[in-house]
Full PDB file with SEQRES, HELIX, SHEET, SSBOND, CRYST1, ORIGX, SCALE, CONECT and MASTER records, all heavy atoms in Angstrom:
SEQRES   1 A   38  GLN ASN ARG ALA GLU ALA ALA ALA ALA VAL LEU LYS PRO          
SEQRES   2 A   38  ILE MET ASP ALA ASP GLY THR ASP THR ALA SER LEU GLY          
SEQRES   3 A   38  LEU ALA VAL ARG ALA SER LEU LEU ALA GLY ASP TYR              
HELIX    1 AA1 ALA A    4  ASP A   16  1                                  13    
HELIX    2 AA2 THR A   22  LEU A   34  1                                  13    
CRYST1    1.000    1.000    1.000  90.00  90.00  90.00 P 1           1          
ORIGX1      1.000000  0.000000  0.000000        0.00000                         
ORIGX2      0.000000  1.000000  0.000000        0.00000                         
ORIGX3      0.000000  0.000000  1.000000        0.00000                         
SCALE1      1.000000  0.000000  0.000000        0.00000                         
SCALE2      0.000000  1.000000  0.000000        0.00000                         
SCALE3      0.000000  0.000000  1.000000        0.00000                         
ATOM      1  N   GLN A   1      14.136  -0.552  -6.950  1.00  0.00           N  
ATOM      2  CA  GLN A   1      14.047   0.785  -6.369  1.00  0.00           C  
ATOM      3  C   GLN A   1      14.257   0.749  -4.858  1.00  0.00           C  
ATOM      4  O   GLN A   1      14.101   1.765  -4.185  1.00  0.00           O  
ATOM      5  CB  GLN A   1      12.673   1.389  -6.669  1.00  0.00           C  
ATOM      6  CG  GLN A   1      12.401   1.661  -8.145  1.00  0.00           C  
ATOM      7  CD  GLN A   1      10.958   2.051  -8.411  1.00  0.00           C  
ATOM      8  OE1 GLN A   1      10.043   1.499  -7.808  1.00  0.00           O  
ATOM      9  NE2 GLN A   1      10.752   2.999  -9.307  1.00  0.00           N  
ATOM     10  N   ASN A   2      14.609  -0.443  -4.324  1.00  0.00           N  
ATOM     11  CA  ASN A   2      14.791  -0.643  -2.882  1.00  0.00           C  
ATOM     12  C   ASN A   2      13.518  -0.347  -2.106  1.00  0.00           C  
ATOM     13  O   ASN A   2      13.566   0.181  -0.984  1.00  0.00           O  
ATOM     14  CB  ASN A   2      15.952   0.215  -2.363  1.00  0.00           C  
ATOM     15  CG  ASN A   2      17.286  -0.236  -2.911  1.00  0.00           C  
ATOM     16  OD1 ASN A   2      17.570  -1.425  -2.961  1.00  0.00           O  
ATOM     17  ND2 ASN A   2      18.107   0.702  -3.337  1.00  0.00           N  
ATOM     18  N   ARG A   3      12.369  -0.688  -2.668  1.00  0.00           N  
ATOM     19  CA  ARG A   3      11.075  -0.484  -2.021  1.00  0.00           C  
ATOM     20  C   ARG A   3      10.488  -1.857  -1.686  1.00  0.00           C  
ATOM     21  O   ARG A   3       9.597  -2.357  -2.356  1.00  0.00           O  
ATOM     22  CB  ARG A   3      10.154   0.320  -2.928  1.00  0.00           C  
ATOM     23  CG  ARG A   3      10.661   1.731  -3.224  1.00  0.00           C  
ATOM     24  CD  ARG A   3       9.872   2.381  -4.348  1.00  0.00           C  
ATOM     25  NE  ARG A   3       8.445   2.405  -4.053  1.00  0.00           N  
ATOM     26  CZ  ARG A   3       7.512   2.461  -4.990  1.00  0.00           C  
ATOM     27  NH1 ARG A   3       7.848   2.494  -6.272  1.00  0.00           N  
ATOM     28  NH2 ARG A   3       6.235   2.488  -4.654  1.00  0.00           N  
ATOM     29  N   ALA A   4      11.041  -2.453  -0.641  1.00  0.00           N  
ATOM     30  CA  ALA A   4      10.699  -3.835  -0.299  1.00  0.00           C  
ATOM     31  C   ALA A   4       9.234  -3.986   0.092  1.00  0.00           C  
ATOM     32  O   ALA A   4       8.563  -4.937  -0.328  1.00  0.00           O  
ATOM     33  CB  ALA A   4      11.597  -4.315   0.833  1.00  0.00           C  
ATOM     34  N   GLU A   5       8.720  -3.074   0.920  1.00  0.00           N  
ATOM     35  CA  GLU A   5       7.337  -3.210   1.380  1.00  0.00           C  
ATOM     36  C   GLU A   5       6.354  -3.071   0.229  1.00  0.00           C  
ATOM     37  O   GLU A   5       5.343  -3.796   0.164  1.00  0.00           O  
ATOM     38  CB  GLU A   5       7.053  -2.175   2.470  1.00  0.00           C  
ATOM     39  CG  GLU A   5       7.812  -2.437   3.769  1.00  0.00           C  
ATOM     40  CD  GLU A   5       7.463  -1.442   4.852  1.00  0.00           C  
ATOM     41  OE1 GLU A   5       6.602  -0.569   4.595  1.00  0.00           O  
ATOM     42  OE2 GLU A   5       8.038  -1.534   5.949  1.00  0.00           O  
ATOM     43  N   ALA A   6       6.647  -2.147  -0.710  1.00  0.00           N  
ATOM     44  CA  ALA A   6       5.768  -1.976  -1.867  1.00  0.00           C  
ATOM     45  C   ALA A   6       5.809  -3.208  -2.764  1.00  0.00           C  
ATOM     46  O   ALA A   6       4.782  -3.608  -3.343  1.00  0.00           O  
ATOM     47  CB  ALA A   6       6.170  -0.726  -2.657  1.00  0.00           C  
ATOM     48  N   ALA A   7       6.983  -3.826  -2.885  1.00  0.00           N  
ATOM     49  CA  ALA A   7       7.098  -5.056  -3.679  1.00  0.00           C  
ATOM     50  C   ALA A   7       6.291  -6.178  -3.029  1.00  0.00           C  
ATOM     51  O   ALA A   7       5.566  -6.913  -3.709  1.00  0.00           O  
ATOM     52  CB  ALA A   7       8.560  -5.461  -3.813  1.00  0.00           C  
ATOM     53  N   ALA A   8       6.414  -6.306  -1.700  1.00  0.00           N  
ATOM     54  CA  ALA A   8       5.672  -7.355  -0.999  1.00  0.00           C  
ATOM     55  C   ALA A   8       4.163  -7.145  -1.129  1.00  0.00           C  
ATOM     56  O   ALA A   8       3.397  -8.113  -1.272  1.00  0.00           O  
ATOM     57  CB  ALA A   8       6.080  -7.382   0.470  1.00  0.00           C  
ATOM     58  N   ALA A   9       3.733  -5.888  -1.109  1.00  0.00           N  
ATOM     59  CA  ALA A   9       2.299  -5.584  -1.192  1.00  0.00           C  
ATOM     60  C   ALA A   9       1.715  -6.027  -2.527  1.00  0.00           C  
ATOM     61  O   ALA A   9       0.620  -6.599  -2.578  1.00  0.00           O  
ATOM     62  CB  ALA A   9       2.075  -4.084  -0.979  1.00  0.00           C  
ATOM     63  N   VAL A  10       2.447  -5.786  -3.617  1.00  0.00           N  
ATOM     64  CA  VAL A  10       1.905  -6.157  -4.934  1.00  0.00           C  
ATOM     65  C   VAL A  10       1.938  -7.670  -5.135  1.00  0.00           C  
ATOM     66  O   VAL A  10       1.152  -8.224  -5.908  1.00  0.00           O  
ATOM     67  CB  VAL A  10       2.664  -5.425  -6.056  1.00  0.00           C  
ATOM     68  CG1 VAL A  10       4.005  -6.072  -6.370  1.00  0.00           C  
ATOM     69  CG2 VAL A  10       1.824  -5.352  -7.325  1.00  0.00           C  
ATOM     70  N   LEU A  11       2.812  -8.367  -4.403  1.00  0.00           N  
ATOM     71  CA  LEU A  11       2.880  -9.827  -4.504  1.00  0.00           C  
ATOM     72  C   LEU A  11       1.877 -10.534  -3.606  1.00  0.00           C  
ATOM     73  O   LEU A  11       1.605 -11.726  -3.805  1.00  0.00           O  
ATOM     74  CB  LEU A  11       4.283 -10.314  -4.124  1.00  0.00           C  
ATOM     75  CG  LEU A  11       5.412 -10.055  -5.118  1.00  0.00           C  
ATOM     76  CD1 LEU A  11       6.750 -10.376  -4.481  1.00  0.00           C  
ATOM     77  CD2 LEU A  11       5.221 -10.874  -6.393  1.00  0.00           C  
ATOM     78  N   LYS A  12       1.303  -9.828  -2.644  1.00  0.00           N  
ATOM     79  CA  LYS A  12       0.474 -10.480  -1.624  1.00  0.00           C  
ATOM     80  C   LYS A  12      -0.665 -11.316  -2.199  1.00  0.00           C  
ATOM     81  O   LYS A  12      -0.881 -12.457  -1.750  1.00  0.00           O  
ATOM     82  CB  LYS A  12      -0.078  -9.437  -0.654  1.00  0.00           C  
ATOM     83  CG  LYS A  12      -0.746 -10.042   0.577  1.00  0.00           C  
ATOM     84  CD  LYS A  12      -1.171  -8.986   1.562  1.00  0.00           C  
ATOM     85  CE  LYS A  12      -1.690  -9.630   2.851  1.00  0.00           C  
ATOM     86  NZ  LYS A  12      -2.774 -10.584   2.638  1.00  0.00           N  
ATOM     87  N   PRO A  13      -1.424 -10.831  -3.201  1.00  0.00           N  
ATOM     88  CA  PRO A  13      -2.505 -11.680  -3.737  1.00  0.00           C  
ATOM     89  C   PRO A  13      -1.994 -12.998  -4.327  1.00  0.00           C  
ATOM     90  O   PRO A  13      -2.676 -14.020  -4.236  1.00  0.00           O  
ATOM     91  CB  PRO A  13      -3.137 -10.796  -4.829  1.00  0.00           C  
ATOM     92  CG  PRO A  13      -2.816  -9.399  -4.414  1.00  0.00           C  
ATOM     93  CD  PRO A  13      -1.455  -9.481  -3.794  1.00  0.00           C  
ATOM     94  N   ILE A  14      -0.795 -12.984  -4.910  1.00  0.00           N  
ATOM     95  CA  ILE A  14      -0.221 -14.218  -5.446  1.00  0.00           C  
ATOM     96  C   ILE A  14       0.182 -15.140  -4.296  1.00  0.00           C  
ATOM     97  O   ILE A  14      -0.082 -16.349  -4.323  1.00  0.00           O  
ATOM     98  CB  ILE A  14       0.997 -13.932  -6.340  1.00  0.00           C  
ATOM     99  CG1 ILE A  14       0.632 -12.980  -7.481  1.00  0.00           C  
ATOM    100  CG2 ILE A  14       1.580 -15.225  -6.894  1.00  0.00           C  
ATOM    101  CD1 ILE A  14       1.804 -12.609  -8.365  1.00  0.00           C  
ATOM    102  N   MET A  15       0.812 -14.560  -3.277  1.00  0.00           N  
ATOM    103  CA  MET A  15       1.303 -15.360  -2.163  1.00  0.00           C  
ATOM    104  C   MET A  15       0.153 -15.942  -1.343  1.00  0.00           C  
ATOM    105  O   MET A  15       0.297 -16.994  -0.725  1.00  0.00           O  
ATOM    106  CB  MET A  15       2.224 -14.521  -1.259  1.00  0.00           C  
ATOM    107  CG  MET A  15       3.408 -13.899  -1.969  1.00  0.00           C  
ATOM    108  SD  MET A  15       4.404 -15.099  -2.872  1.00  0.00           S  
ATOM    109  CE  MET A  15       4.969 -16.145  -1.555  1.00  0.00           C  
ATOM    110  N   ASP A  16      -1.002 -15.260  -1.337  1.00  0.00           N  
ATOM    111  CA  ASP A  16      -2.151 -15.745  -0.580  1.00  0.00           C  
ATOM    112  C   ASP A  16      -2.886 -16.876  -1.296  1.00  0.00           C  
ATOM    113  O   ASP A  16      -3.703 -17.578  -0.689  1.00  0.00           O  
ATOM    114  CB  ASP A  16      -3.134 -14.602  -0.308  1.00  0.00           C  
ATOM    115  CG  ASP A  16      -2.589 -13.616   0.718  1.00  0.00           C  
ATOM    116  OD1 ASP A  16      -1.628 -13.965   1.426  1.00  0.00           O  
ATOM    117  OD2 ASP A  16      -3.120 -12.488   0.804  1.00  0.00           O  
ATOM    118  N   ALA A  17      -2.601 -17.044  -2.582  1.00  0.00           N  
ATOM    119  CA  ALA A  17      -3.280 -18.081  -3.365  1.00  0.00           C  
ATOM    120  C   ALA A  17      -2.626 -19.443  -3.113  1.00  0.00           C  
ATOM    121  O   ALA A  17      -1.481 -19.530  -2.647  1.00  0.00           O  
ATOM    122  CB  ALA A  17      -3.230 -17.737  -4.848  1.00  0.00           C  
ATOM    123  N   ASP A  18      -3.347 -20.494  -3.420  1.00  0.00           N  
ATOM    124  CA  ASP A  18      -2.790 -21.844  -3.289  1.00  0.00           C  
ATOM    125  C   ASP A  18      -1.804 -22.116  -4.422  1.00  0.00           C  
ATOM    126  O   ASP A  18      -1.978 -21.641  -5.541  1.00  0.00           O  
ATOM    127  CB  ASP A  18      -3.913 -22.885  -3.332  1.00  0.00           C  
ATOM    128  CG  ASP A  18      -4.831 -22.778  -2.117  1.00  0.00           C  
ATOM    129  OD1 ASP A  18      -4.348 -22.335  -1.065  1.00  0.00           O  
ATOM    130  OD2 ASP A  18      -6.024 -23.137  -2.251  1.00  0.00           O  
ATOM    131  N   GLY A  19      -0.764 -22.895  -4.124  1.00  0.00           N  
ATOM    132  CA  GLY A  19       0.166 -23.310  -5.171  1.00  0.00           C  
ATOM    133  C   GLY A  19       0.976 -22.179  -5.756  1.00  0.00           C  
ATOM    134  O   GLY A  19       1.064 -22.018  -6.963  1.00  0.00           O  
ATOM    135  N   THR A  20       1.563 -21.347  -4.897  1.00  0.00           N  
ATOM    136  CA  THR A  20       2.364 -20.216  -5.367  1.00  0.00           C  
ATOM    137  C   THR A  20       3.527 -20.701  -6.229  1.00  0.00           C  
ATOM    138  O   THR A  20       4.212 -21.661  -5.884  1.00  0.00           O  
ATOM    139  CB  THR A  20       2.908 -19.426  -4.160  1.00  0.00           C  
ATOM    140  OG1 THR A  20       1.817 -19.034  -3.331  1.00  0.00           O  
ATOM    141  CG2 THR A  20       3.662 -18.196  -4.627  1.00  0.00           C  
ATOM    142  N   ASP A  21       3.775 -20.010  -7.351  1.00  0.00           N  
ATOM    143  CA  ASP A  21       4.842 -20.419  -8.263  1.00  0.00           C  
ATOM    144  C   ASP A  21       6.204 -20.032  -7.701  1.00  0.00           C  
ATOM    145  O   ASP A  21       6.336 -19.121  -6.878  1.00  0.00           O  
ATOM    146  CB  ASP A  21       4.620 -19.773  -9.633  1.00  0.00           C  
ATOM    147  CG  ASP A  21       4.664 -18.263  -9.547  1.00  0.00           C  
ATOM    148  OD1 ASP A  21       3.642 -17.657  -9.141  1.00  0.00           O  
ATOM    149  OD2 ASP A  21       5.708 -17.680  -9.858  1.00  0.00           O  
ATOM    150  N   THR A  22       7.219 -20.704  -8.209  1.00  0.00           N  
ATOM    151  CA  THR A  22       8.582 -20.502  -7.704  1.00  0.00           C  
ATOM    152  C   THR A  22       9.082 -19.077  -7.957  1.00  0.00           C  
ATOM    153  O   THR A  22       9.768 -18.497  -7.105  1.00  0.00           O  
ATOM    154  CB  THR A  22       9.540 -21.510  -8.358  1.00  0.00           C  
ATOM    155  OG1 THR A  22       9.064 -22.835  -8.109  1.00  0.00           O  
ATOM    156  CG2 THR A  22      10.943 -21.373  -7.809  1.00  0.00           C  
ATOM    157  N   ALA A  23       8.741 -18.510  -9.115  1.00  0.00           N  
ATOM    158  CA  ALA A  23       9.213 -17.157  -9.439  1.00  0.00           C  
ATOM    159  C   ALA A  23       8.666 -16.139  -8.433  1.00  0.00           C  
ATOM    160  O   ALA A  23       9.400 -15.252  -7.959  1.00  0.00           O  
ATOM    161  CB  ALA A  23       8.794 -16.778 -10.855  1.00  0.00           C  
ATOM    162  N   SER A  24       7.387 -16.250  -8.100  1.00  0.00           N  
ATOM    163  CA  SER A  24       6.792 -15.325  -7.134  1.00  0.00           C  
ATOM    164  C   SER A  24       7.388 -15.529  -5.749  1.00  0.00           C  
ATOM    165  O   SER A  24       7.637 -14.558  -5.015  1.00  0.00           O  
ATOM    166  CB  SER A  24       5.274 -15.520  -7.090  1.00  0.00           C  
ATOM    167  OG  SER A  24       4.686 -15.239  -8.343  1.00  0.00           O  
ATOM    168  N   LEU A  25       7.619 -16.783  -5.372  1.00  0.00           N  
ATOM    169  CA  LEU A  25       8.259 -17.056  -4.089  1.00  0.00           C  
ATOM    170  C   LEU A  25       9.642 -16.410  -4.022  1.00  0.00           C  
ATOM    171  O   LEU A  25      10.023 -15.826  -3.004  1.00  0.00           O  
ATOM    172  CB  LEU A  25       8.374 -18.559  -3.873  1.00  0.00           C  
ATOM    173  CG  LEU A  25       7.145 -19.270  -3.307  1.00  0.00           C  
ATOM    174  CD1 LEU A  25       7.315 -20.776  -3.394  1.00  0.00           C  
ATOM    175  CD2 LEU A  25       6.892 -18.854  -1.867  1.00  0.00           C  
ATOM    176  N   GLY A  26      10.388 -16.510  -5.127  1.00  0.00           N  
ATOM    177  CA  GLY A  26      11.718 -15.905  -5.164  1.00  0.00           C  
ATOM    178  C   GLY A  26      11.669 -14.404  -4.953  1.00  0.00           C  
ATOM    179  O   GLY A  26      12.489 -13.821  -4.219  1.00  0.00           O  
ATOM    180  N   LEU A  27      10.709 -13.746  -5.587  1.00  0.00           N  
ATOM    181  CA  LEU A  27      10.552 -12.302  -5.419  1.00  0.00           C  
ATOM    182  C   LEU A  27      10.147 -11.959  -3.987  1.00  0.00           C  
ATOM    183  O   LEU A  27      10.635 -10.983  -3.408  1.00  0.00           O  
ATOM    184  CB  LEU A  27       9.513 -11.776  -6.404  1.00  0.00           C  
ATOM    185  CG  LEU A  27       9.936 -11.737  -7.871  1.00  0.00           C  
ATOM    186  CD1 LEU A  27       8.722 -11.534  -8.771  1.00  0.00           C  
ATOM    187  CD2 LEU A  27      10.956 -10.622  -8.112  1.00  0.00           C  
ATOM    188  N   ALA A  28       9.242 -12.767  -3.421  1.00  0.00           N  
ATOM    189  CA  ALA A  28       8.811 -12.527  -2.043  1.00  0.00           C  
ATOM    190  C   ALA A  28       9.981 -12.683  -1.070  1.00  0.00           C  
ATOM    191  O   ALA A  28      10.106 -11.924  -0.101  1.00  0.00           O  
ATOM    192  CB  ALA A  28       7.684 -13.485  -1.672  1.00  0.00           C  
ATOM    193  N   VAL A  29      10.842 -13.646  -1.344  1.00  0.00           N  
ATOM    194  CA  VAL A  29      12.032 -13.833  -0.507  1.00  0.00           C  
ATOM    195  C   VAL A  29      12.940 -12.605  -0.591  1.00  0.00           C  
ATOM    196  O   VAL A  29      13.412 -12.092   0.434  1.00  0.00           O  
ATOM    197  CB  VAL A  29      12.799 -15.100  -0.938  1.00  0.00           C  
ATOM    198  CG1 VAL A  29      14.169 -15.152  -0.282  1.00  0.00           C  
ATOM    199  CG2 VAL A  29      11.993 -16.341  -0.588  1.00  0.00           C  
ATOM    200  N   ARG A  30      13.177 -12.129  -1.803  1.00  0.00           N  
ATOM    201  CA  ARG A  30      14.032 -10.946  -1.965  1.00  0.00           C  
ATOM    202  C   ARG A  30      13.447  -9.738  -1.252  1.00  0.00           C  
ATOM    203  O   ARG A  30      14.178  -8.960  -0.621  1.00  0.00           O  
ATOM    204  CB  ARG A  30      14.226 -10.642  -3.456  1.00  0.00           C  
ATOM    205  CG  ARG A  30      15.141 -11.624  -4.168  1.00  0.00           C  
ATOM    206  CD  ARG A  30      15.130 -11.407  -5.667  1.00  0.00           C  
ATOM    207  NE  ARG A  30      15.480 -10.058  -6.043  1.00  0.00           N  
ATOM    208  CZ  ARG A  30      15.262  -9.513  -7.237  1.00  0.00           C  
ATOM    209  NH1 ARG A  30      14.664 -10.242  -8.169  1.00  0.00           N  
ATOM    210  NH2 ARG A  30      15.623  -8.280  -7.497  1.00  0.00           N  
ATOM    211  N   ALA A  31      12.121  -9.582  -1.346  1.00  0.00           N  
ATOM    212  CA  ALA A  31      11.470  -8.460  -0.672  1.00  0.00           C  
ATOM    213  C   ALA A  31      11.640  -8.567   0.840  1.00  0.00           C  
ATOM    214  O   ALA A  31      11.940  -7.572   1.527  1.00  0.00           O  
ATOM    215  CB  ALA A  31       9.992  -8.406  -1.038  1.00  0.00           C  
ATOM    216  N   SER A  32      11.479  -9.772   1.366  1.00  0.00           N  
ATOM    217  CA  SER A  32      11.619  -9.970   2.809  1.00  0.00           C  
ATOM    218  C   SER A  32      13.054  -9.719   3.261  1.00  0.00           C  
ATOM    219  O   SER A  32      13.288  -9.080   4.299  1.00  0.00           O  
ATOM    220  CB  SER A  32      11.192 -11.396   3.182  1.00  0.00           C  
ATOM    221  OG  SER A  32       9.829 -11.614   2.880  1.00  0.00           O  
ATOM    222  N   LEU A  33      14.030 -10.214   2.489  1.00  0.00           N  
ATOM    223  CA  LEU A  33      15.436  -9.995   2.856  1.00  0.00           C  
ATOM    224  C   LEU A  33      15.790  -8.515   2.802  1.00  0.00           C  
ATOM    225  O   LEU A  33      16.502  -8.001   3.683  1.00  0.00           O  
ATOM    226  CB  LEU A  33      16.348 -10.797   1.922  1.00  0.00           C  
ATOM    227  CG  LEU A  33      16.322 -12.317   2.087  1.00  0.00           C  
ATOM    228  CD1 LEU A  33      17.157 -12.986   1.007  1.00  0.00           C  
ATOM    229  CD2 LEU A  33      16.821 -12.719   3.473  1.00  0.00           C  
ATOM    230  N   LEU A  34      15.301  -7.815   1.778  1.00  0.00           N  
ATOM    231  CA  LEU A  34      15.592  -6.389   1.650  1.00  0.00           C  
ATOM    232  C   LEU A  34      14.995  -5.612   2.817  1.00  0.00           C  
ATOM    233  O   LEU A  34      15.579  -4.628   3.288  1.00  0.00           O  
ATOM    234  CB  LEU A  34      15.041  -5.858   0.323  1.00  0.00           C  
ATOM    235  CG  LEU A  34      15.342  -4.395  -0.033  1.00  0.00           C  
ATOM    236  CD1 LEU A  34      16.849  -4.150  -0.123  1.00  0.00           C  
ATOM    237  CD2 LEU A  34      14.682  -4.021  -1.352  1.00  0.00           C  
ATOM    238  N   ALA A  35      13.833  -6.055   3.294  1.00  0.00           N  
ATOM    239  CA  ALA A  35      13.175  -5.397   4.423  1.00  0.00           C  
ATOM    240  C   ALA A  35      13.758  -5.843   5.768  1.00  0.00           C  
ATOM    241  O   ALA A  35      13.369  -5.322   6.818  1.00  0.00           O  
ATOM    242  CB  ALA A  35      11.682  -5.676   4.384  1.00  0.00           C  
ATOM    243  N   GLY A  36      14.679  -6.810   5.740  1.00  0.00           N  
ATOM    244  CA  GLY A  36      15.253  -7.323   6.980  1.00  0.00           C  
ATOM    245  C   GLY A  36      14.345  -8.289   7.713  1.00  0.00           C  
ATOM    246  O   GLY A  36      14.581  -8.624   8.880  1.00  0.00           O  
ATOM    247  N   ASP A  37      13.316  -8.784   7.042  1.00  0.00           N  
ATOM    248  CA  ASP A  37      12.371  -9.729   7.645  1.00  0.00           C  
ATOM    249  C   ASP A  37      12.839 -11.147   7.317  1.00  0.00           C  
ATOM    250  O   ASP A  37      12.286 -11.829   6.465  1.00  0.00           O  
ATOM    251  CB  ASP A  37      10.964  -9.472   7.096  1.00  0.00           C  
ATOM    252  CG  ASP A  37       9.896 -10.290   7.813  1.00  0.00           C  
ATOM    253  OD1 ASP A  37      10.275 -11.148   8.633  1.00  0.00           O  
ATOM    254  OD2 ASP A  37       8.700 -10.072   7.551  1.00  0.00           O  
ATOM    255  N   TYR A  38      13.875 -11.602   8.025  1.00  0.00           N  
ATOM    256  CA  TYR A  38      14.499 -12.878   7.703  1.00  0.00           C  
ATOM    257  C   TYR A  38      13.582 -14.057   7.998  1.00  0.00           C  
ATOM    258  O   TYR A  38      13.602 -15.061   7.280  1.00  0.00           O  
ATOM    259  CB  TYR A  38      15.812 -13.020   8.469  1.00  0.00           C  
ATOM    260  CG  TYR A  38      16.799 -11.921   8.154  1.00  0.00           C  
ATOM    261  CD1 TYR A  38      17.280 -11.073   9.150  1.00  0.00           C  
ATOM    262  CD2 TYR A  38      17.225 -11.702   6.844  1.00  0.00           C  
ATOM    263  CE1 TYR A  38      18.174 -10.054   8.858  1.00  0.00           C  
ATOM    264  CE2 TYR A  38      18.112 -10.682   6.544  1.00  0.00           C  
ATOM    265  CZ  TYR A  38      18.573  -9.854   7.556  1.00  0.00           C  
ATOM    266  OH  TYR A  38      19.439  -8.846   7.253  1.00  0.00           O  
TER     267      TYR A  38                                                      
MASTER        0    0    0    2    0    0    0    6  266    1    0    3          
END                                                                             
């Protein structure tokens, strides 16, 4: 839906945990790129 900030917000609890999985990292990367946060 091109809602990068909302995507990053729902991923934040996963990203804040230890040992983040590759799939979640991939989504977080896409959210950051879409938001222009390189």
